[in-house]
Amino acid sequence: MDIEKKLELIKRNTQEIVTEDELRKLLKTKKQPVVYLGTAITGRPHIGYFVWALKLGDFLRAGFKVKLLLADLHGALDNTPWEILEMRYDYYKALIPLMFEAIGVNTKNLEFVKGSEFQLKPEYMYDVLQMATHNSINDCQRAAAEVVKFGDNPKLAGLIYPIMQALDEEYLKVDVQYGGVDQRKIFMFARENLPVIGYDARVEIMTPLIPGLIGKKMSASDSRSKVDLLDDEKSVIDKISRVECAEGDVDNGVLAFLKCVIMPIKQDNKERFIVKRDKKFGGDLHFNNYAEIEKRFKEKKLHPLDLKNALAVEINNLLKGFRKNKAKLEKLSKEAYN
């Protein structure tokens, strides 16, 4: 795969790259660049996680080594109780590989890393303290504002969070950090602060947040706003049927999920997206790309109910692997969240 094709794949459904020139240079000069995504083990994983799983799949196809950081200590810093930290780690560790299986990604060059395995080493903690001397309380709170749940009485833990995330880039030995656009302030904090203590700034790549089922971003802490990865078929159908999806209005969670998850999978597998309809309403519709779906919906030639029914089918297909492992996953889930 040449550099332009790699760039096109990496840029698919991204919102911002800081900077694209640096990314291009990286692709020209390094045979196998390394990218990482960190996920703090806090709330229950939901279908929104497929957005970053797909993007990590793009990196793998583009020849990257991918490191997936299961950030247990970051989970604790963001209010996960210490006594259940290991149980939540176990749940994430069992669940996330099934996401990659569901989207058909070759995970030969994917590595899982547990945060506490390197973040408690003396040299890492020395750098945490060193970076802390270069930043104010306001600097750290501002950097973490979109990610950490500070509340009315912010804890010191939340201020350490962005410092550790910045240092993860160095200690994981990566060239790129990838995450949602809600991570932007921390990414910029890392680019500013790593050079201050003698380390290189990295390329930062962000994808958009997709709307949830009640008109805001999909949230692990609000069961109404997301489809859980362990939801049964009926629950998926019921939840998708309640999604806000006004006729002709393309700003909704249904189309966002189709754009960022379902259609990339379809196109990678050379499949079409099918909307089943009764013959009296014109029969089934077949779509080759997302633009066709959006155009038809905007013109009010595709009814919201038909679109939601088709999306529910696709989501239930994605979740089949989780249901095959239901007993094990539900046991881990109860230990981690109940």
C-alpha atoms as a PDB file:
ATOM      1  CA  MET A   1       0.000   0.000   0.000  1.00  0.00           C
ATOM      2  CA  ASP A   2       1.504   3.365  -1.022  1.00  0.00           C
ATOM      3  CA  ILE A   3       1.656   6.421   1.223  1.00  0.00           C
ATOM      4  CA  GLU A   4      -1.365   8.164  -0.330  1.00  0.00           C
ATOM      5  CA  LYS A   5      -3.569   5.102   0.165  1.00  0.00           C
ATOM      6  CA  LYS A   6      -2.369   4.782   3.753  1.00  0.00           C
ATOM      7  CA  LEU A   7      -3.179   8.450   4.354  1.00  0.00           C
ATOM      8  CA  GLU A   8      -6.622   8.056   2.837  1.00  0.00           C
ATOM      9  CA  LEU A   9      -7.340   5.095   5.095  1.00  0.00           C
ATOM     10  CA  ILE A  10      -6.093   6.846   8.235  1.00  0.00           C
ATOM     11  CA  LYS A  11      -8.053  10.010   7.409  1.00  0.00           C
ATOM     12  CA  ARG A  12     -11.332   8.123   6.878  1.00  0.00           C
ATOM     13  CA  ASN A  13     -13.948   9.592   9.240  1.00  0.00           C
ATOM     14  CA  THR A  14     -11.321  11.570  11.180  1.00  0.00           C
ATOM     15  CA  GLN A  15     -12.109  15.070  12.423  1.00  0.00           C
ATOM     16  CA  GLU A  16      -8.607  16.434  13.002  1.00  0.00           C
ATOM     17  CA  ILE A  17      -4.946  15.452  12.565  1.00  0.00           C
ATOM     18  CA  VAL A  18      -2.220  17.425  14.343  1.00  0.00           C
ATOM     19  CA  THR A  19      -0.437  17.592  12.040  1.00  0.00           C
ATOM     20  CA  GLU A  20      -1.021  15.961   8.658  1.00  0.00           C
ATOM     21  CA  ASP A  21       2.438  17.040   7.450  1.00  0.00           C
ATOM     22  CA  GLU A  22       4.028  15.232  10.395  1.00  0.00           C
ATOM     23  CA  LEU A  23       1.931  12.149   9.679  1.00  0.00           C
ATOM     24  CA  ARG A  24       2.977  12.130   6.042  1.00  0.00           C
ATOM     25  CA  LYS A  25       6.649  12.441   7.025  1.00  0.00           C
ATOM     26  CA  LEU A  26       6.220   9.581   9.503  1.00  0.00           C
ATOM     27  CA  LEU A  27       4.766   7.325   6.816  1.00  0.00           C
ATOM     28  CA  LYS A  28       7.664   8.162   4.506  1.00  0.00           C
ATOM     29  CA  THR A  29      10.412   7.565   7.057  1.00  0.00           C
ATOM     30  CA  LYS A  30       9.211   4.644   9.215  1.00  0.00           C
ATOM     31  CA  LYS A  31       8.313   1.210   7.875  1.00  0.00           C
ATOM     32  CA  GLN A  32       5.980   0.314  10.762  1.00  0.00           C
ATOM     33  CA  PRO A  33       4.862   3.342  12.798  1.00  0.00           C
ATOM     34  CA  VAL A  34       3.257   2.754  16.190  1.00  0.00           C
ATOM     35  CA  VAL A  35      -0.091   4.202  17.281  1.00  0.00           C
ATOM     36  CA  TYR A  36      -1.931   3.826  20.552  1.00  0.00           C
ATOM     37  CA  LEU A  37      -5.368   4.431  21.950  1.00  0.00           C
ATOM     38  CA  GLY A  38      -6.007   4.496  25.672  1.00  0.00           C
ATOM     39  CA  THR A  39      -9.342   3.580  27.174  1.00  0.00           C
ATOM     40  CA  ALA A  40      -9.873   4.196  30.883  1.00  0.00           C
ATOM     41  CA  ILE A  41     -11.701   1.269  32.470  1.00  0.00           C
ATOM     42  CA  THR A  42     -14.634   3.220  33.836  1.00  0.00           C
ATOM     43  CA  GLY A  43     -18.177   2.753  32.464  1.00  0.00           C
ATOM     44  CA  ARG A  44     -19.566  -0.270  30.633  1.00  0.00           C
ATOM     45  CA  PRO A  45     -18.349  -0.500  27.008  1.00  0.00           C
ATOM     46  CA  HIS A  46     -21.093   0.217  24.465  1.00  0.00           C
ATOM     47  CA  ILE A  47     -21.506   0.211  20.681  1.00  0.00           C
ATOM     48  CA  GLY A  48     -19.867   3.634  20.442  1.00  0.00           C
ATOM     49  CA  TYR A  49     -16.568   1.832  21.115  1.00  0.00           C
ATOM     50  CA  PHE A  50     -16.837   0.386  17.598  1.00  0.00           C
ATOM     51  CA  VAL A  51     -15.879   3.837  16.259  1.00  0.00           C
ATOM     52  CA  TRP A  52     -12.364   3.562  17.631  1.00  0.00           C
ATOM     53  CA  ALA A  53     -12.161  -0.178  16.958  1.00  0.00           C
ATOM     54  CA  LEU A  54     -12.808   0.586  13.262  1.00  0.00           C
ATOM     55  CA  LYS A  55     -10.190   3.332  13.258  1.00  0.00           C
ATOM     56  CA  LEU A  56      -7.621   1.069  14.907  1.00  0.00           C
ATOM     57  CA  GLY A  57      -8.498  -1.421  12.170  1.00  0.00           C
ATOM     58  CA  ASP A  58      -7.655   1.277   9.618  1.00  0.00           C
ATOM     59  CA  PHE A  59      -4.262   1.777  11.253  1.00  0.00           C
ATOM     60  CA  LEU A  60      -3.615  -1.968  11.189  1.00  0.00           C
ATOM     61  CA  ARG A  61      -4.479  -2.131   7.493  1.00  0.00           C
ATOM     62  CA  ALA A  62      -2.161   0.823   6.863  1.00  0.00           C
ATOM     63  CA  GLY A  63       0.752  -1.139   8.309  1.00  0.00           C
ATOM     64  CA  PHE A  64       0.884   0.303  11.836  1.00  0.00           C
ATOM     65  CA  LYS A  65       1.696  -1.500  15.036  1.00  0.00           C
ATOM     66  CA  VAL A  66      -1.277  -0.769  17.314  1.00  0.00           C
ATOM     67  CA  LYS A  67      -1.114  -0.643  21.102  1.00  0.00           C
ATOM     68  CA  LEU A  68      -4.397  -0.610  23.000  1.00  0.00           C
ATOM     69  CA  LEU A  69      -3.863   0.716  26.504  1.00  0.00           C
ATOM     70  CA  LEU A  70      -6.333  -0.591  29.072  1.00  0.00           C
ATOM     71  CA  ALA A  71      -5.785   2.284  31.466  1.00  0.00           C
ATOM     72  CA  ASP A  72      -6.651   0.869  34.867  1.00  0.00           C
ATOM     73  CA  LEU A  73      -4.962   3.625  36.871  1.00  0.00           C
ATOM     74  CA  HIS A  74      -6.632   6.290  34.723  1.00  0.00           C
ATOM     75  CA  GLY A  75      -9.924   4.601  35.592  1.00  0.00           C
ATOM     76  CA  ALA A  76      -9.136   5.023  39.275  1.00  0.00           C
ATOM     77  CA  LEU A  77      -8.161   8.667  38.739  1.00  0.00           C
ATOM     78  CA  ASP A  78     -11.581   9.181  37.124  1.00  0.00           C
ATOM     79  CA  ASN A  79     -13.549   7.801  40.075  1.00  0.00           C
ATOM     80  CA  THR A  80     -13.590   4.035  39.484  1.00  0.00           C
ATOM     81  CA  PRO A  81     -13.416   2.502  43.003  1.00  0.00           C
ATOM     82  CA  TRP A  82     -10.026   0.914  43.656  1.00  0.00           C
ATOM     83  CA  GLU A  83     -11.563  -2.282  45.028  1.00  0.00           C
ATOM     84  CA  ILE A  84     -13.223  -3.144  41.691  1.00  0.00           C
ATOM     85  CA  LEU A  85     -10.470  -1.863  39.395  1.00  0.00           C
ATOM     86  CA  GLU A  86      -9.128  -5.328  38.601  1.00  0.00           C
ATOM     87  CA  MET A  87     -12.639  -6.675  37.891  1.00  0.00           C
ATOM     88  CA  ARG A  88     -13.273  -3.883  35.392  1.00  0.00           C
ATOM     89  CA  TYR A  89      -9.924  -4.541  33.767  1.00  0.00           C
ATOM     90  CA  ASP A  90     -10.884  -8.217  33.389  1.00  0.00           C
ATOM     91  CA  TYR A  91     -14.203  -7.239  31.800  1.00  0.00           C
ATOM     92  CA  TYR A  92     -12.594  -4.894  29.270  1.00  0.00           C
ATOM     93  CA  LYS A  93      -9.866  -7.453  28.496  1.00  0.00           C
ATOM     94  CA  ALA A  94     -12.473 -10.117  27.717  1.00  0.00           C
ATOM     95  CA  LEU A  95     -14.849  -7.851  25.805  1.00  0.00           C
ATOM     96  CA  ILE A  96     -12.658  -5.768  23.494  1.00  0.00           C
ATOM     97  CA  PRO A  97     -11.093  -8.613  21.461  1.00  0.00           C
ATOM     98  CA  LEU A  98     -14.638  -9.616  20.483  1.00  0.00           C
ATOM     99  CA  MET A  99     -15.120  -6.162  18.972  1.00  0.00           C
ATOM    100  CA  PHE A 100     -12.241  -6.745  16.576  1.00  0.00           C
ATOM    101  CA  GLU A 101     -13.586 -10.183  15.710  1.00  0.00           C
ATOM    102  CA  ALA A 102     -16.982  -8.638  14.961  1.00  0.00           C
ATOM    103  CA  ILE A 103     -15.536  -6.192  12.425  1.00  0.00           C
ATOM    104  CA  GLY A 104     -13.218  -8.756  10.837  1.00  0.00           C
ATOM    105  CA  VAL A 105      -9.902  -7.058  11.569  1.00  0.00           C
ATOM    106  CA  ASN A 106      -6.621  -8.986  11.513  1.00  0.00           C
ATOM    107  CA  THR A 107      -5.133  -8.351  14.970  1.00  0.00           C
ATOM    108  CA  LYS A 108      -1.662  -9.798  14.353  1.00  0.00           C
ATOM    109  CA  ASN A 109      -0.084  -6.374  15.020  1.00  0.00           C
ATOM    110  CA  LEU A 110      -2.401  -5.424  17.901  1.00  0.00           C
ATOM    111  CA  GLU A 111      -0.998  -5.431  21.445  1.00  0.00           C
ATOM    112  CA  PHE A 112      -2.941  -4.954  24.682  1.00  0.00           C
ATOM    113  CA  VAL A 113      -1.116  -3.089  27.449  1.00  0.00           C
ATOM    114  CA  LYS A 114      -2.201  -2.746  31.084  1.00  0.00           C
ATOM    115  CA  GLY A 115      -1.469   0.749  32.380  1.00  0.00           C
ATOM    116  CA  SER A 116      -0.301  -0.157  35.878  1.00  0.00           C
ATOM    117  CA  GLU A 117       2.339  -2.511  34.468  1.00  0.00           C
ATOM    118  CA  PHE A 118       4.514   0.430  33.409  1.00  0.00           C
ATOM    119  CA  GLN A 119       2.953   3.501  35.043  1.00  0.00           C
ATOM    120  CA  LEU A 120       4.123   2.544  38.547  1.00  0.00           C
ATOM    121  CA  LYS A 121       7.787   2.234  37.591  1.00  0.00           C
ATOM    122  CA  PRO A 122      10.139   4.742  39.325  1.00  0.00           C
ATOM    123  CA  GLU A 123      11.268   6.445  36.103  1.00  0.00           C
ATOM    124  CA  TYR A 124       7.661   7.002  35.002  1.00  0.00           C
ATOM    125  CA  MET A 125       6.638   8.467  38.352  1.00  0.00           C
ATOM    126  CA  TYR A 126       9.755  10.664  38.343  1.00  0.00           C
ATOM    127  CA  ASP A 127       8.564  12.142  35.033  1.00  0.00           C
ATOM    128  CA  VAL A 128       5.043  12.619  36.427  1.00  0.00           C
ATOM    129  CA  LEU A 129       6.496  14.741  39.216  1.00  0.00           C
ATOM    130  CA  GLN A 130       8.818  16.548  36.815  1.00  0.00           C
ATOM    131  CA  MET A 131       5.949  17.474  34.486  1.00  0.00           C
ATOM    132  CA  ALA A 132       3.854  18.538  37.488  1.00  0.00           C
ATOM    133  CA  THR A 133       6.438  21.214  38.297  1.00  0.00           C
ATOM    134  CA  HIS A 134       5.894  22.790  34.870  1.00  0.00           C
ATOM    135  CA  ASN A 135       2.084  23.048  35.096  1.00  0.00           C
ATOM    136  CA  SER A 136      -0.438  24.840  37.256  1.00  0.00           C
ATOM    137  CA  ILE A 137      -3.667  23.462  38.678  1.00  0.00           C
ATOM    138  CA  ASN A 138      -5.531  25.439  36.019  1.00  0.00           C
ATOM    139  CA  ASP A 139      -3.362  23.987  33.232  1.00  0.00           C
ATOM    140  CA  CYS A 140      -4.174  20.406  34.252  1.00  0.00           C
ATOM    141  CA  GLN A 141      -7.845  21.030  34.966  1.00  0.00           C
ATOM    142  CA  ARG A 142      -8.306  22.757  31.638  1.00  0.00           C
ATOM    143  CA  ALA A 143      -6.553  19.919  29.801  1.00  0.00           C
ATOM    144  CA  ALA A 144      -8.726  17.232  31.384  1.00  0.00           C
ATOM    145  CA  ALA A 145     -12.011  19.159  31.434  1.00  0.00           C
ATOM    146  CA  GLU A 146     -13.664  17.212  28.592  1.00  0.00           C
ATOM    147  CA  VAL A 147     -12.572  13.803  29.867  1.00  0.00           C
ATOM    148  CA  VAL A 148     -12.457  13.719  33.674  1.00  0.00           C
ATOM    149  CA  LYS A 149     -15.588  14.011  35.816  1.00  0.00           C
ATOM    150  CA  PHE A 150     -14.424  16.813  38.138  1.00  0.00           C
ATOM    151  CA  GLY A 151     -17.707  17.806  39.788  1.00  0.00           C
ATOM    152  CA  ASP A 152     -18.084  20.774  42.128  1.00  0.00           C
ATOM    153  CA  ASN A 153     -15.175  19.777  44.335  1.00  0.00           C
ATOM    154  CA  PRO A 154     -12.400  18.524  41.985  1.00  0.00           C
ATOM    155  CA  LYS A 155     -10.081  15.837  43.278  1.00  0.00           C
ATOM    156  CA  LEU A 156      -6.325  15.973  42.896  1.00  0.00           C
ATOM    157  CA  ALA A 157      -6.520  12.683  40.954  1.00  0.00           C
ATOM    158  CA  GLY A 158      -8.144  14.375  37.976  1.00  0.00           C
ATOM    159  CA  LEU A 159      -5.253  16.831  37.700  1.00  0.00           C
ATOM    160  CA  ILE A 160      -2.718  13.992  37.470  1.00  0.00           C
ATOM    161  CA  TYR A 161      -4.713  12.358  34.655  1.00  0.00           C
ATOM    162  CA  PRO A 162      -3.496  14.522  31.721  1.00  0.00           C
ATOM    163  CA  ILE A 163       0.114  14.381  32.917  1.00  0.00           C
ATOM    164  CA  MET A 164       0.050  10.583  32.858  1.00  0.00           C
ATOM    165  CA  GLN A 165      -1.702  10.467  29.500  1.00  0.00           C
ATOM    166  CA  ALA A 166       0.964  12.718  28.013  1.00  0.00           C
ATOM    167  CA  LEU A 167       3.747  10.520  29.379  1.00  0.00           C
ATOM    168  CA  ASP A 168       2.071   7.368  28.071  1.00  0.00           C
ATOM    169  CA  GLU A 169       3.082   8.469  24.569  1.00  0.00           C
ATOM    170  CA  GLU A 170       6.757   8.303  25.551  1.00  0.00           C
ATOM    171  CA  TYR A 171       6.666   5.178  27.695  1.00  0.00           C
ATOM    172  CA  LEU A 172       4.625   3.209  25.161  1.00  0.00           C
ATOM    173  CA  LYS A 173       7.180   4.273  22.515  1.00  0.00           C
ATOM    174  CA  VAL A 174       4.539   5.384  20.013  1.00  0.00           C
ATOM    175  CA  ASP A 175       4.582   7.804  17.094  1.00  0.00           C
ATOM    176  CA  VAL A 176       0.859   8.621  17.159  1.00  0.00           C
ATOM    177  CA  GLN A 177      -1.895   8.890  19.737  1.00  0.00           C
ATOM    178  CA  TYR A 178      -5.461   8.395  18.548  1.00  0.00           C
ATOM    179  CA  GLY A 179      -8.714   9.173  20.351  1.00  0.00           C
ATOM    180  CA  GLY A 180     -12.026  10.986  20.199  1.00  0.00           C
ATOM    181  CA  VAL A 181     -12.140  14.740  19.727  1.00  0.00           C
ATOM    182  CA  ASP A 182     -13.059  15.057  23.418  1.00  0.00           C
ATOM    183  CA  GLN A 183      -9.389  14.209  24.056  1.00  0.00           C
ATOM    184  CA  ARG A 184      -8.127  17.229  22.122  1.00  0.00           C
ATOM    185  CA  LYS A 185      -7.097  19.358  25.107  1.00  0.00           C
ATOM    186  CA  ILE A 186      -5.090  16.495  26.591  1.00  0.00           C
ATOM    187  CA  PHE A 187      -3.480  15.806  23.218  1.00  0.00           C
ATOM    188  CA  MET A 188      -2.402  19.429  22.926  1.00  0.00           C
ATOM    189  CA  PHE A 189      -1.203  19.342  26.543  1.00  0.00           C
ATOM    190  CA  ALA A 190       1.016  16.399  25.582  1.00  0.00           C
ATOM    191  CA  ARG A 191       2.419  18.148  22.499  1.00  0.00           C
ATOM    192  CA  GLU A 192       3.269  21.192  24.600  1.00  0.00           C
ATOM    193  CA  ASN A 193       4.709  19.434  27.626  1.00  0.00           C
ATOM    194  CA  LEU A 194       6.656  16.430  26.374  1.00  0.00           C
ATOM    195  CA  PRO A 195       9.361  18.607  24.733  1.00  0.00           C
ATOM    196  CA  VAL A 196       9.705  20.579  27.982  1.00  0.00           C
ATOM    197  CA  ILE A 197      11.123  17.488  29.721  1.00  0.00           C
ATOM    198  CA  GLY A 198      13.157  16.303  26.742  1.00  0.00           C
ATOM    199  CA  TYR A 199      10.760  14.073  24.814  1.00  0.00           C
ATOM    200  CA  ASP A 200       9.360  14.380  21.284  1.00  0.00           C
ATOM    201  CA  ALA A 201       5.837  15.591  20.545  1.00  0.00           C
ATOM    202  CA  ARG A 202       3.694  13.022  18.763  1.00  0.00           C
ATOM    203  CA  VAL A 203       1.130  13.139  15.964  1.00  0.00           C
ATOM    204  CA  GLU A 204      -2.399  13.394  17.380  1.00  0.00           C
ATOM    205  CA  ILE A 205      -5.405  12.010  15.468  1.00  0.00           C
ATOM    206  CA  MET A 206      -9.037  12.503  16.464  1.00  0.00           C
ATOM    207  CA  THR A 207     -12.388  11.138  15.344  1.00  0.00           C
ATOM    208  CA  PRO A 208     -15.739  12.831  16.070  1.00  0.00           C
ATOM    209  CA  LEU A 209     -18.021  11.844  18.923  1.00  0.00           C
ATOM    210  CA  ILE A 210     -21.214  10.261  17.681  1.00  0.00           C
ATOM    211  CA  PRO A 211     -24.603  11.270  19.107  1.00  0.00           C
ATOM    212  CA  GLY A 212     -26.318   8.928  21.525  1.00  0.00           C
ATOM    213  CA  LEU A 213     -29.908   7.784  21.547  1.00  0.00           C
ATOM    214  CA  ILE A 214     -31.188  10.856  23.358  1.00  0.00           C
ATOM    215  CA  GLY A 215     -29.457  13.544  21.327  1.00  0.00           C
ATOM    216  CA  LYS A 216     -26.129  13.838  23.140  1.00  0.00           C
ATOM    217  CA  LYS A 217     -22.875  11.901  22.932  1.00  0.00           C
ATOM    218  CA  MET A 218     -23.085   8.184  23.624  1.00  0.00           C
ATOM    219  CA  SER A 219     -22.358   7.768  27.328  1.00  0.00           C
ATOM    220  CA  ALA A 220     -21.363   4.674  29.288  1.00  0.00           C
ATOM    221  CA  SER A 221     -23.014   6.160  32.389  1.00  0.00           C
ATOM    222  CA  ASP A 222     -26.465   6.694  30.817  1.00  0.00           C
ATOM    223  CA  SER A 223     -28.160   3.457  29.749  1.00  0.00           C
ATOM    224  CA  ARG A 224     -30.721   5.374  27.672  1.00  0.00           C
ATOM    225  CA  SER A 225     -28.057   6.972  25.492  1.00  0.00           C
ATOM    226  CA  LYS A 226     -26.329   3.828  24.274  1.00  0.00           C
ATOM    227  CA  VAL A 227     -26.672   0.200  23.274  1.00  0.00           C
ATOM    228  CA  ASP A 228     -24.683  -2.028  25.609  1.00  0.00           C
ATOM    229  CA  LEU A 229     -22.500  -4.719  24.036  1.00  0.00           C
ATOM    230  CA  LEU A 230     -24.384  -7.347  26.060  1.00  0.00           C
ATOM    231  CA  ASP A 231     -27.892  -6.192  25.098  1.00  0.00           C
ATOM    232  CA  ASP A 232     -30.115  -8.909  23.651  1.00  0.00           C
ATOM    233  CA  GLU A 233     -31.767  -8.614  20.223  1.00  0.00           C
ATOM    234  CA  LYS A 234     -35.053  -7.258  21.546  1.00  0.00           C
ATOM    235  CA  SER A 235     -33.335  -4.616  23.685  1.00  0.00           C
ATOM    236  CA  VAL A 236     -31.358  -3.420  20.656  1.00  0.00           C
ATOM    237  CA  ILE A 237     -34.502  -3.166  18.535  1.00  0.00           C
ATOM    238  CA  ASP A 238     -36.366  -1.337  21.316  1.00  0.00           C
ATOM    239  CA  LYS A 239     -33.542   1.139  21.951  1.00  0.00           C
ATOM    240  CA  ILE A 240     -32.951   1.906  18.274  1.00  0.00           C
ATOM    241  CA  SER A 241     -36.690   2.399  17.743  1.00  0.00           C
ATOM    242  CA  ARG A 242     -36.590   5.217  20.321  1.00  0.00           C
ATOM    243  CA  VAL A 243     -33.652   7.063  18.767  1.00  0.00           C
ATOM    244  CA  GLU A 244     -34.327  10.717  17.920  1.00  0.00           C
ATOM    245  CA  CYS A 245     -34.370  10.642  14.121  1.00  0.00           C
ATOM    246  CA  ALA A 246     -36.576  13.328  12.593  1.00  0.00           C
ATOM    247  CA  GLU A 247     -37.506  12.852   8.958  1.00  0.00           C
ATOM    248  CA  GLY A 248     -35.093  14.708   6.668  1.00  0.00           C
ATOM    249  CA  ASP A 249     -32.809  15.841   9.529  1.00  0.00           C
ATOM    250  CA  VAL A 250     -29.386  14.208   9.103  1.00  0.00           C
ATOM    251  CA  ASP A 251     -28.067  15.246  12.531  1.00  0.00           C
ATOM    252  CA  ASN A 252     -28.843  12.123  14.541  1.00  0.00           C
ATOM    253  CA  GLY A 253     -27.250   9.072  16.096  1.00  0.00           C
ATOM    254  CA  VAL A 254     -28.610   6.644  13.508  1.00  0.00           C
ATOM    255  CA  LEU A 255     -26.854   8.246  10.550  1.00  0.00           C
ATOM    256  CA  ALA A 256     -23.735   8.975  12.599  1.00  0.00           C
ATOM    257  CA  PHE A 257     -23.351   5.303  13.520  1.00  0.00           C
ATOM    258  CA  LEU A 258     -23.965   4.271   9.943  1.00  0.00           C
ATOM    259  CA  LYS A 259     -21.318   6.701   8.712  1.00  0.00           C
ATOM    260  CA  CYS A 260     -18.627   5.877  11.264  1.00  0.00           C
ATOM    261  CA  VAL A 261     -19.174   2.143  11.788  1.00  0.00           C
ATOM    262  CA  ILE A 262     -21.600   0.233   9.578  1.00  0.00           C
ATOM    263  CA  MET A 263     -20.717   1.664   6.159  1.00  0.00           C
ATOM    264  CA  PRO A 264     -16.928   1.386   6.600  1.00  0.00           C
ATOM    265  CA  ILE A 265     -17.442  -2.296   7.476  1.00  0.00           C
ATOM    266  CA  LYS A 266     -19.732  -2.769   4.468  1.00  0.00           C
ATOM    267  CA  GLN A 267     -17.312  -1.084   2.099  1.00  0.00           C
ATOM    268  CA  ASP A 268     -14.300  -3.010   3.434  1.00  0.00           C
ATOM    269  CA  ASN A 269     -16.226  -6.258   2.870  1.00  0.00           C
ATOM    270  CA  LYS A 270     -17.604  -5.061  -0.495  1.00  0.00           C
ATOM    271  CA  GLU A 271     -21.176  -5.415   0.759  1.00  0.00           C
ATOM    272  CA  ARG A 272     -24.229  -3.204   0.365  1.00  0.00           C
ATOM    273  CA  PHE A 273     -26.398  -1.802   3.137  1.00  0.00           C
ATOM    274  CA  ILE A 274     -29.954  -3.088   2.716  1.00  0.00           C
ATOM    275  CA  VAL A 275     -33.073  -1.392   4.007  1.00  0.00           C
ATOM    276  CA  LYS A 276     -35.989  -3.832   3.991  1.00  0.00           C
ATOM    277  CA  ARG A 277     -39.331  -2.329   2.945  1.00  0.00           C
ATOM    278  CA  ASP A 278     -42.725  -3.721   2.022  1.00  0.00           C
ATOM    279  CA  LYS A 279     -43.350  -3.792  -1.736  1.00  0.00           C
ATOM    280  CA  LYS A 280     -46.252  -1.386  -1.315  1.00  0.00           C
ATOM    281  CA  PHE A 281     -43.730   1.204  -0.055  1.00  0.00           C
ATOM    282  CA  GLY A 282     -41.357   0.625  -2.970  1.00  0.00           C
ATOM    283  CA  GLY A 283     -39.535  -2.521  -1.871  1.00  0.00           C
ATOM    284  CA  ASP A 284     -36.022  -2.940  -0.499  1.00  0.00           C
ATOM    285  CA  LEU A 285     -33.337  -0.276  -0.912  1.00  0.00           C
ATOM    286  CA  HIS A 286     -29.657  -1.078  -1.521  1.00  0.00           C
ATOM    287  CA  PHE A 287     -26.867   1.397  -0.744  1.00  0.00           C
ATOM    288  CA  ASN A 288     -23.214   1.242  -1.771  1.00  0.00           C
ATOM    289  CA  ASN A 289     -21.976   4.135   0.370  1.00  0.00           C
ATOM    290  CA  TYR A 290     -22.973   6.485   3.157  1.00  0.00           C
ATOM    291  CA  ALA A 291     -23.477   9.518   0.888  1.00  0.00           C
ATOM    292  CA  GLU A 292     -26.304   7.719  -0.903  1.00  0.00           C
ATOM    293  CA  ILE A 293     -28.068   7.000   2.391  1.00  0.00           C
ATOM    294  CA  GLU A 294     -27.766  10.570   3.644  1.00  0.00           C
ATOM    295  CA  LYS A 295     -28.977  12.017   0.337  1.00  0.00           C
ATOM    296  CA  ARG A 296     -32.023   9.754   0.255  1.00  0.00           C
ATOM    297  CA  PHE A 297     -32.844  10.494   3.891  1.00  0.00           C
ATOM    298  CA  LYS A 298     -32.429  14.248   3.469  1.00  0.00           C
ATOM    299  CA  GLU A 299     -34.804  14.161   0.495  1.00  0.00           C
ATOM    300  CA  LYS A 300     -37.332  12.312   2.706  1.00  0.00           C
ATOM    301  CA  LYS A 301     -37.268   9.326   0.391  1.00  0.00           C
ATOM    302  CA  LEU A 302     -36.062   7.070   3.193  1.00  0.00           C
ATOM    303  CA  HIS A 303     -38.335   6.863   6.232  1.00  0.00           C
ATOM    304  CA  PRO A 304     -36.717   7.034   9.709  1.00  0.00           C
ATOM    305  CA  LEU A 305     -38.478   3.845  10.859  1.00  0.00           C
ATOM    306  CA  ASP A 306     -37.172   1.845   7.905  1.00  0.00           C
ATOM    307  CA  LEU A 307     -33.670   3.179   8.499  1.00  0.00           C
ATOM    308  CA  LYS A 308     -33.795   2.388  12.219  1.00  0.00           C
ATOM    309  CA  ASN A 309     -35.037  -1.141  11.563  1.00  0.00           C
ATOM    310  CA  ALA A 310     -32.143  -1.717   9.145  1.00  0.00           C
ATOM    311  CA  LEU A 311     -29.619  -0.338  11.646  1.00  0.00           C
ATOM    312  CA  ALA A 312     -30.966  -2.617  14.403  1.00  0.00           C
ATOM    313  CA  VAL A 313     -30.349  -5.620  12.131  1.00  0.00           C
ATOM    314  CA  GLU A 314     -26.747  -4.540  11.546  1.00  0.00           C
ATOM    315  CA  ILE A 315     -26.060  -3.895  15.241  1.00  0.00           C
ATOM    316  CA  ASN A 316     -27.508  -7.275  16.209  1.00  0.00           C
ATOM    317  CA  ASN A 317     -25.198  -8.883  13.659  1.00  0.00           C
ATOM    318  CA  LEU A 318     -22.224  -7.118  15.259  1.00  0.00           C
ATOM    319  CA  LEU A 319     -23.206  -8.379  18.701  1.00  0.00           C
ATOM    320  CA  LYS A 320     -23.534 -12.079  17.813  1.00  0.00           C
ATOM    321  CA  GLY A 321     -20.035 -12.869  19.073  1.00  0.00           C
ATOM    322  CA  PHE A 322     -20.772 -11.299  22.444  1.00  0.00           C
ATOM    323  CA  ARG A 323     -23.928 -13.387  22.822  1.00  0.00           C
ATOM    324  CA  LYS A 324     -21.958 -16.577  22.137  1.00  0.00           C
ATOM    325  CA  ASN A 325     -19.827 -15.659  25.166  1.00  0.00           C
ATOM    326  CA  LYS A 326     -22.788 -14.391  27.192  1.00  0.00           C
ATOM    327  CA  ALA A 327     -22.343 -16.511  30.339  1.00  0.00           C
ATOM    328  CA  LYS A 328     -18.678 -15.591  30.830  1.00  0.00           C
ATOM    329  CA  LEU A 329     -19.196 -11.909  30.004  1.00  0.00           C
ATOM    330  CA  GLU A 330     -22.243 -11.520  32.248  1.00  0.00           C
ATOM    331  CA  LYS A 331     -20.336 -13.077  35.162  1.00  0.00           C
ATOM    332  CA  LEU A 332     -17.461 -10.624  34.665  1.00  0.00           C
ATOM    333  CA  SER A 333     -19.926  -7.764  34.218  1.00  0.00           C
ATOM    334  CA  LYS A 334     -21.686  -8.483  37.518  1.00  0.00           C
ATOM    335  CA  GLU A 335     -18.370  -8.520  39.367  1.00  0.00           C
ATOM    336  CA  ALA A 336     -17.304  -5.240  37.764  1.00  0.00           C
ATOM    337  CA  TYR A 337     -20.511  -3.210  37.849  1.00  0.00           C
ATOM    338  CA  ASN A 338     -23.041  -4.624  40.312  1.00  0.00           C
END
